[in-house]
Amino acid sequence: MSSQNSTAAVPDTQLGLTIEEIQLLRHHQQAAAAAGSSSSRAASRASSQGLLMLDASSLSALGRHFDRVMQHIQQQLEYLSEQSEMVTMAVYDRAGNLIDNADAEIARYHDIMRQIDELELDFDRIAHIRDIVRDFRRRAEELDRELDRSSGSSRRHGHGHRHGHSGSRSHR
């Protein structure tokens, strides 16, 4: 049977495969041999000699092996696609949150600046009112001093209330 198997083989370099594909074929022929069937072991020996066994059993075992490998690759692709989508959504969420947070902070900044402007305006108004109050207080204190002087001088001079008052004005 091994003489039939060797005649039913083709060099893997004549399959129209790239060097990388030939290496993959040889690797997977060896991996398929791990299943333990006699045709798989024969295919493994052929693979080590750079041959592809063309018998139905060897090709069927290799086909089943490639189906499993492709199914595993497909599952990995689906898993990685899901993971990629989750990462993308997380990035969008974070970016969205950053934008939302930035918008909120900008709005907060504008509100703070508005409050500062209002406080500065209030400060200027209060300072102006304070200056007016100080000026009136100063005037009231001057009037009190004048009245004290004029009432003190009118008591000393008797009837001179007007005279004392006009005298205070002249000293101004």
C-alpha atoms as a PDB file:
ATOM      1  CA  MET A   1       0.000   0.000   0.000  1.00  0.00           C
ATOM      2  CA  SER A   2       2.871   2.343   0.629  1.00  0.00           C
ATOM      3  CA  SER A   3       3.952   1.910  -2.980  1.00  0.00           C
ATOM      4  CA  GLN A   4       0.488   3.030  -4.074  1.00  0.00           C
ATOM      5  CA  ASN A   5       0.621   5.972  -1.673  1.00  0.00           C
ATOM      6  CA  SER A   6       3.943   7.171  -3.005  1.00  0.00           C
ATOM      7  CA  THR A   7       2.647   7.052  -6.581  1.00  0.00           C
ATOM      8  CA  ALA A   8      -0.490   8.955  -5.548  1.00  0.00           C
ATOM      9  CA  ALA A   9       1.419  12.036  -4.483  1.00  0.00           C
ATOM     10  CA  VAL A  10       2.376  15.318  -6.112  1.00  0.00           C
ATOM     11  CA  PRO A  11       5.249  17.659  -5.181  1.00  0.00           C
ATOM     12  CA  ASP A  12       3.747  20.517  -3.096  1.00  0.00           C
ATOM     13  CA  THR A  13       5.915  22.966  -5.038  1.00  0.00           C
ATOM     14  CA  GLN A  14       3.840  22.188  -8.168  1.00  0.00           C
ATOM     15  CA  LEU A  15       0.518  23.190  -6.600  1.00  0.00           C
ATOM     16  CA  GLY A  16       0.820  26.858  -7.546  1.00  0.00           C
ATOM     17  CA  LEU A  17       1.291  27.942  -3.940  1.00  0.00           C
ATOM     18  CA  THR A  18       3.535  30.699  -2.608  1.00  0.00           C
ATOM     19  CA  ILE A  19       6.464  29.760  -0.389  1.00  0.00           C
ATOM     20  CA  GLU A  20       4.486  30.845   2.679  1.00  0.00           C
ATOM     21  CA  GLU A  21       1.474  28.752   1.572  1.00  0.00           C
ATOM     22  CA  ILE A  22       3.715  25.708   0.986  1.00  0.00           C
ATOM     23  CA  GLN A  23       5.132  26.131   4.495  1.00  0.00           C
ATOM     24  CA  LEU A  24       1.599  26.352   5.897  1.00  0.00           C
ATOM     25  CA  LEU A  25       0.520  23.245   3.955  1.00  0.00           C
ATOM     26  CA  ARG A  26       3.495  21.271   5.268  1.00  0.00           C
ATOM     27  CA  HIS A  27       2.869  22.484   8.816  1.00  0.00           C
ATOM     28  CA  HIS A  28      -0.827  21.557   8.689  1.00  0.00           C
ATOM     29  CA  GLN A  29      -0.114  18.160   7.118  1.00  0.00           C
ATOM     30  CA  GLN A  30       2.081  17.472  10.136  1.00  0.00           C
ATOM     31  CA  ALA A  31      -0.659  18.767  12.480  1.00  0.00           C
ATOM     32  CA  ALA A  32      -3.304  16.620  10.753  1.00  0.00           C
ATOM     33  CA  ALA A  33      -1.061  13.598  11.334  1.00  0.00           C
ATOM     34  CA  ALA A  34      -1.543  14.133  15.065  1.00  0.00           C
ATOM     35  CA  ALA A  35      -5.062  12.715  14.578  1.00  0.00           C
ATOM     36  CA  GLY A  36      -3.359   9.295  14.346  1.00  0.00           C
ATOM     37  CA  SER A  37      -4.870   7.619  11.288  1.00  0.00           C
ATOM     38  CA  SER A  38      -2.521   5.613   9.090  1.00  0.00           C
ATOM     39  CA  SER A  39      -3.322   7.776   6.058  1.00  0.00           C
ATOM     40  CA  SER A  40      -2.491  10.882   8.128  1.00  0.00           C
ATOM     41  CA  ARG A  41       0.858   9.379   9.111  1.00  0.00           C
ATOM     42  CA  ALA A  42       1.547   8.603   5.472  1.00  0.00           C
ATOM     43  CA  ALA A  43       0.571  12.182   4.591  1.00  0.00           C
ATOM     44  CA  SER A  44       2.937  13.445   7.282  1.00  0.00           C
ATOM     45  CA  ARG A  45       5.813  11.393   5.823  1.00  0.00           C
ATOM     46  CA  ALA A  46       4.941  12.669   2.353  1.00  0.00           C
ATOM     47  CA  SER A  47       4.835  16.225   3.686  1.00  0.00           C
ATOM     48  CA  SER A  48       8.322  15.887   5.121  1.00  0.00           C
ATOM     49  CA  GLN A  49       9.431  14.860   1.619  1.00  0.00           C
ATOM     50  CA  GLY A  50       7.649  17.866   0.059  1.00  0.00           C
ATOM     51  CA  LEU A  51       4.765  15.811  -1.340  1.00  0.00           C
ATOM     52  CA  LEU A  52       0.979  16.087  -1.066  1.00  0.00           C
ATOM     53  CA  MET A  53      -0.781  12.725  -0.860  1.00  0.00           C
ATOM     54  CA  LEU A  54      -3.609  12.522  -3.386  1.00  0.00           C
ATOM     55  CA  ASP A  55      -5.536   9.595  -1.877  1.00  0.00           C
ATOM     56  CA  ALA A  56      -9.092  10.328  -0.731  1.00  0.00           C
ATOM     57  CA  SER A  57      -8.438   9.432   2.893  1.00  0.00           C
ATOM     58  CA  SER A  58      -5.396  11.742   3.245  1.00  0.00           C
ATOM     59  CA  LEU A  59      -7.111  14.587   1.402  1.00  0.00           C
ATOM     60  CA  SER A  60     -10.275  14.111   3.492  1.00  0.00           C
ATOM     61  CA  ALA A  61      -8.302  14.206   6.770  1.00  0.00           C
ATOM     62  CA  LEU A  62      -6.385  17.279   5.611  1.00  0.00           C
ATOM     63  CA  GLY A  63      -9.665  18.904   4.517  1.00  0.00           C
ATOM     64  CA  ARG A  64     -11.264  18.242   7.928  1.00  0.00           C
ATOM     65  CA  HIS A  65      -8.167  19.662   9.627  1.00  0.00           C
ATOM     66  CA  PHE A  66      -8.334  22.821   7.499  1.00  0.00           C
ATOM     67  CA  ASP A  67     -12.083  23.110   8.239  1.00  0.00           C
ATOM     68  CA  ARG A  68     -11.320  23.024  11.990  1.00  0.00           C
ATOM     69  CA  VAL A  69      -8.472  25.527  11.585  1.00  0.00           C
ATOM     70  CA  MET A  70     -10.680  27.841   9.543  1.00  0.00           C
ATOM     71  CA  GLN A  71     -13.535  27.513  12.052  1.00  0.00           C
ATOM     72  CA  HIS A  72     -11.136  28.394  14.853  1.00  0.00           C
ATOM     73  CA  ILE A  73      -9.818  31.357  12.834  1.00  0.00           C
ATOM     74  CA  GLN A  74     -13.420  32.458  12.134  1.00  0.00           C
ATOM     75  CA  GLN A  75     -14.261  32.270  15.848  1.00  0.00           C
ATOM     76  CA  GLN A  76     -11.156  34.294  16.678  1.00  0.00           C
ATOM     77  CA  LEU A  77     -12.072  36.853  14.016  1.00  0.00           C
ATOM     78  CA  GLU A  78     -15.584  37.160  15.442  1.00  0.00           C
ATOM     79  CA  TYR A  79     -14.234  37.464  18.973  1.00  0.00           C
ATOM     80  CA  LEU A  80     -11.665  40.065  17.942  1.00  0.00           C
ATOM     81  CA  SER A  81     -14.287  41.946  15.925  1.00  0.00           C
ATOM     82  CA  GLU A  82     -16.521  42.065  19.013  1.00  0.00           C
ATOM     83  CA  GLN A  83     -13.588  43.194  21.134  1.00  0.00           C
ATOM     84  CA  SER A  84     -12.688  45.821  18.544  1.00  0.00           C
ATOM     85  CA  GLU A  85     -16.273  47.061  18.520  1.00  0.00           C
ATOM     86  CA  MET A  86     -16.296  47.208  22.322  1.00  0.00           C
ATOM     87  CA  VAL A  87     -13.026  49.144  22.355  1.00  0.00           C
ATOM     88  CA  THR A  88     -14.297  51.476  19.654  1.00  0.00           C
ATOM     89  CA  MET A  89     -17.520  52.096  21.594  1.00  0.00           C
ATOM     90  CA  ALA A  90     -15.565  52.645  24.789  1.00  0.00           C
ATOM     91  CA  VAL A  91     -13.325  55.143  23.001  1.00  0.00           C
ATOM     92  CA  TYR A  92     -16.363  56.895  21.525  1.00  0.00           C
ATOM     93  CA  ASP A  93     -18.024  56.889  24.951  1.00  0.00           C
ATOM     94  CA  ARG A  94     -14.888  58.279  26.577  1.00  0.00           C
ATOM     95  CA  ALA A  95     -14.478  60.815  23.796  1.00  0.00           C
ATOM     96  CA  GLY A  96     -18.174  61.671  24.090  1.00  0.00           C
ATOM     97  CA  ASN A  97     -17.827  61.988  27.850  1.00  0.00           C
ATOM     98  CA  LEU A  98     -14.712  64.098  27.390  1.00  0.00           C
ATOM     99  CA  ILE A  99     -16.583  66.332  24.966  1.00  0.00           C
ATOM    100  CA  ASP A 100     -19.605  66.457  27.279  1.00  0.00           C
ATOM    101  CA  ASN A 101     -17.315  67.163  30.230  1.00  0.00           C
ATOM    102  CA  ALA A 102     -15.428  69.775  28.232  1.00  0.00           C
ATOM    103  CA  ASP A 103     -18.723  71.400  27.190  1.00  0.00           C
ATOM    104  CA  ALA A 104     -19.861  71.372  30.812  1.00  0.00           C
ATOM    105  CA  GLU A 105     -16.547  72.845  31.978  1.00  0.00           C
ATOM    106  CA  ILE A 106     -16.681  75.512  29.256  1.00  0.00           C
ATOM    107  CA  ALA A 107     -20.233  76.380  30.314  1.00  0.00           C
ATOM    108  CA  ARG A 108     -19.077  76.470  33.943  1.00  0.00           C
ATOM    109  CA  TYR A 109     -16.138  78.703  32.942  1.00  0.00           C
ATOM    110  CA  HIS A 110     -18.482  81.078  31.096  1.00  0.00           C
ATOM    111  CA  ASP A 111     -20.790  81.156  34.134  1.00  0.00           C
ATOM    112  CA  ILE A 112     -17.826  81.910  36.413  1.00  0.00           C
ATOM    113  CA  MET A 113     -16.656  84.675  34.074  1.00  0.00           C
ATOM    114  CA  ARG A 114     -20.200  86.121  34.017  1.00  0.00           C
ATOM    115  CA  GLN A 115     -20.275  86.052  37.820  1.00  0.00           C
ATOM    116  CA  ILE A 116     -16.844  87.713  37.953  1.00  0.00           C
ATOM    117  CA  ASP A 117     -18.053  90.429  35.572  1.00  0.00           C
ATOM    118  CA  GLU A 118     -21.158  90.960  37.714  1.00  0.00           C
ATOM    119  CA  LEU A 119     -19.072  91.075  40.886  1.00  0.00           C
ATOM    120  CA  GLU A 120     -16.605  93.521  39.338  1.00  0.00           C
ATOM    121  CA  LEU A 121     -19.511  95.721  38.254  1.00  0.00           C
ATOM    122  CA  ASP A 122     -21.041  95.439  41.741  1.00  0.00           C
ATOM    123  CA  PHE A 123     -17.622  96.193  43.233  1.00  0.00           C
ATOM    124  CA  ASP A 124     -17.280  99.323  41.097  1.00  0.00           C
ATOM    125  CA  ARG A 125     -20.847 100.413  41.969  1.00  0.00           C
ATOM    126  CA  ILE A 126     -20.292  99.763  45.692  1.00  0.00           C
ATOM    127  CA  ALA A 127     -16.940 101.565  45.573  1.00  0.00           C
ATOM    128  CA  HIS A 128     -18.630 104.540  43.914  1.00  0.00           C
ATOM    129  CA  ILE A 129     -21.444 104.516  46.483  1.00  0.00           C
ATOM    130  CA  ARG A 130     -18.875 104.110  49.293  1.00  0.00           C
ATOM    131  CA  ASP A 131     -16.960 107.129  47.954  1.00  0.00           C
ATOM    132  CA  ILE A 132     -20.181 109.153  47.853  1.00  0.00           C
ATOM    133  CA  VAL A 133     -21.059 108.014  51.395  1.00  0.00           C
ATOM    134  CA  ARG A 134     -17.542 108.925  52.580  1.00  0.00           C
ATOM    135  CA  ASP A 135     -17.870 112.327  50.928  1.00  0.00           C
ATOM    136  CA  PHE A 136     -21.245 112.891  52.583  1.00  0.00           C
ATOM    137  CA  ARG A 137     -19.867 111.687  55.922  1.00  0.00           C
ATOM    138  CA  ARG A 138     -16.920 114.049  55.566  1.00  0.00           C
ATOM    139  CA  ARG A 139     -19.321 116.873  54.761  1.00  0.00           C
ATOM    140  CA  ALA A 140     -21.591 115.903  57.664  1.00  0.00           C
ATOM    141  CA  GLU A 141     -18.587 115.850  60.012  1.00  0.00           C
ATOM    142  CA  GLU A 142     -17.517 119.271  58.707  1.00  0.00           C
ATOM    143  CA  LEU A 143     -21.040 120.590  59.211  1.00  0.00           C
ATOM    144  CA  ASP A 144     -21.097 119.134  62.724  1.00  0.00           C
ATOM    145  CA  ARG A 145     -17.756 120.824  63.473  1.00  0.00           C
ATOM    146  CA  GLU A 146     -19.037 124.097  62.036  1.00  0.00           C
ATOM    147  CA  LEU A 147     -22.215 123.807  64.054  1.00  0.00           C
ATOM    148  CA  ASP A 148     -20.208 122.984  67.172  1.00  0.00           C
ATOM    149  CA  ARG A 149     -17.975 125.980  66.520  1.00  0.00           C
ATOM    150  CA  SER A 150     -20.839 128.263  65.745  1.00  0.00           C
ATOM    151  CA  SER A 151     -22.901 127.128  68.711  1.00  0.00           C
ATOM    152  CA  GLY A 152     -19.846 127.427  70.897  1.00  0.00           C
ATOM    153  CA  SER A 153     -19.044 130.914  69.607  1.00  0.00           C
ATOM    154  CA  SER A 154     -22.669 132.033  69.823  1.00  0.00           C
ATOM    155  CA  ARG A 155     -22.768 130.984  73.437  1.00  0.00           C
ATOM    156  CA  ARG A 156     -19.616 132.920  74.054  1.00  0.00           C
ATOM    157  CA  HIS A 157     -20.747 135.945  72.063  1.00  0.00           C
ATOM    158  CA  GLY A 158     -24.361 135.797  72.977  1.00  0.00           C
ATOM    159  CA  HIS A 159     -26.436 136.723  69.929  1.00  0.00           C
ATOM    160  CA  GLY A 160     -23.751 135.986  67.368  1.00  0.00           C
ATOM    161  CA  HIS A 161     -25.089 132.744  66.003  1.00  0.00           C
ATOM    162  CA  ARG A 162     -25.313 134.165  62.489  1.00  0.00           C
ATOM    163  CA  HIS A 163     -22.101 136.007  62.898  1.00  0.00           C
ATOM    164  CA  GLY A 164     -20.286 132.850  64.054  1.00  0.00           C
ATOM    165  CA  HIS A 165     -21.747 130.848  61.213  1.00  0.00           C
ATOM    166  CA  SER A 166     -20.770 133.354  58.560  1.00  0.00           C
ATOM    167  CA  GLY A 167     -17.350 133.632  60.171  1.00  0.00           C
ATOM    168  CA  SER A 168     -16.884 129.880  59.735  1.00  0.00           C
ATOM    169  CA  ARG A 169     -17.773 130.203  56.096  1.00  0.00           C
ATOM    170  CA  SER A 170     -15.196 132.877  55.557  1.00  0.00           C
ATOM    171  CA  HIS A 171     -12.496 130.594  56.942  1.00  0.00           C
ATOM    172  CA  ARG A 172     -13.208 128.002  54.362  1.00  0.00           C
END
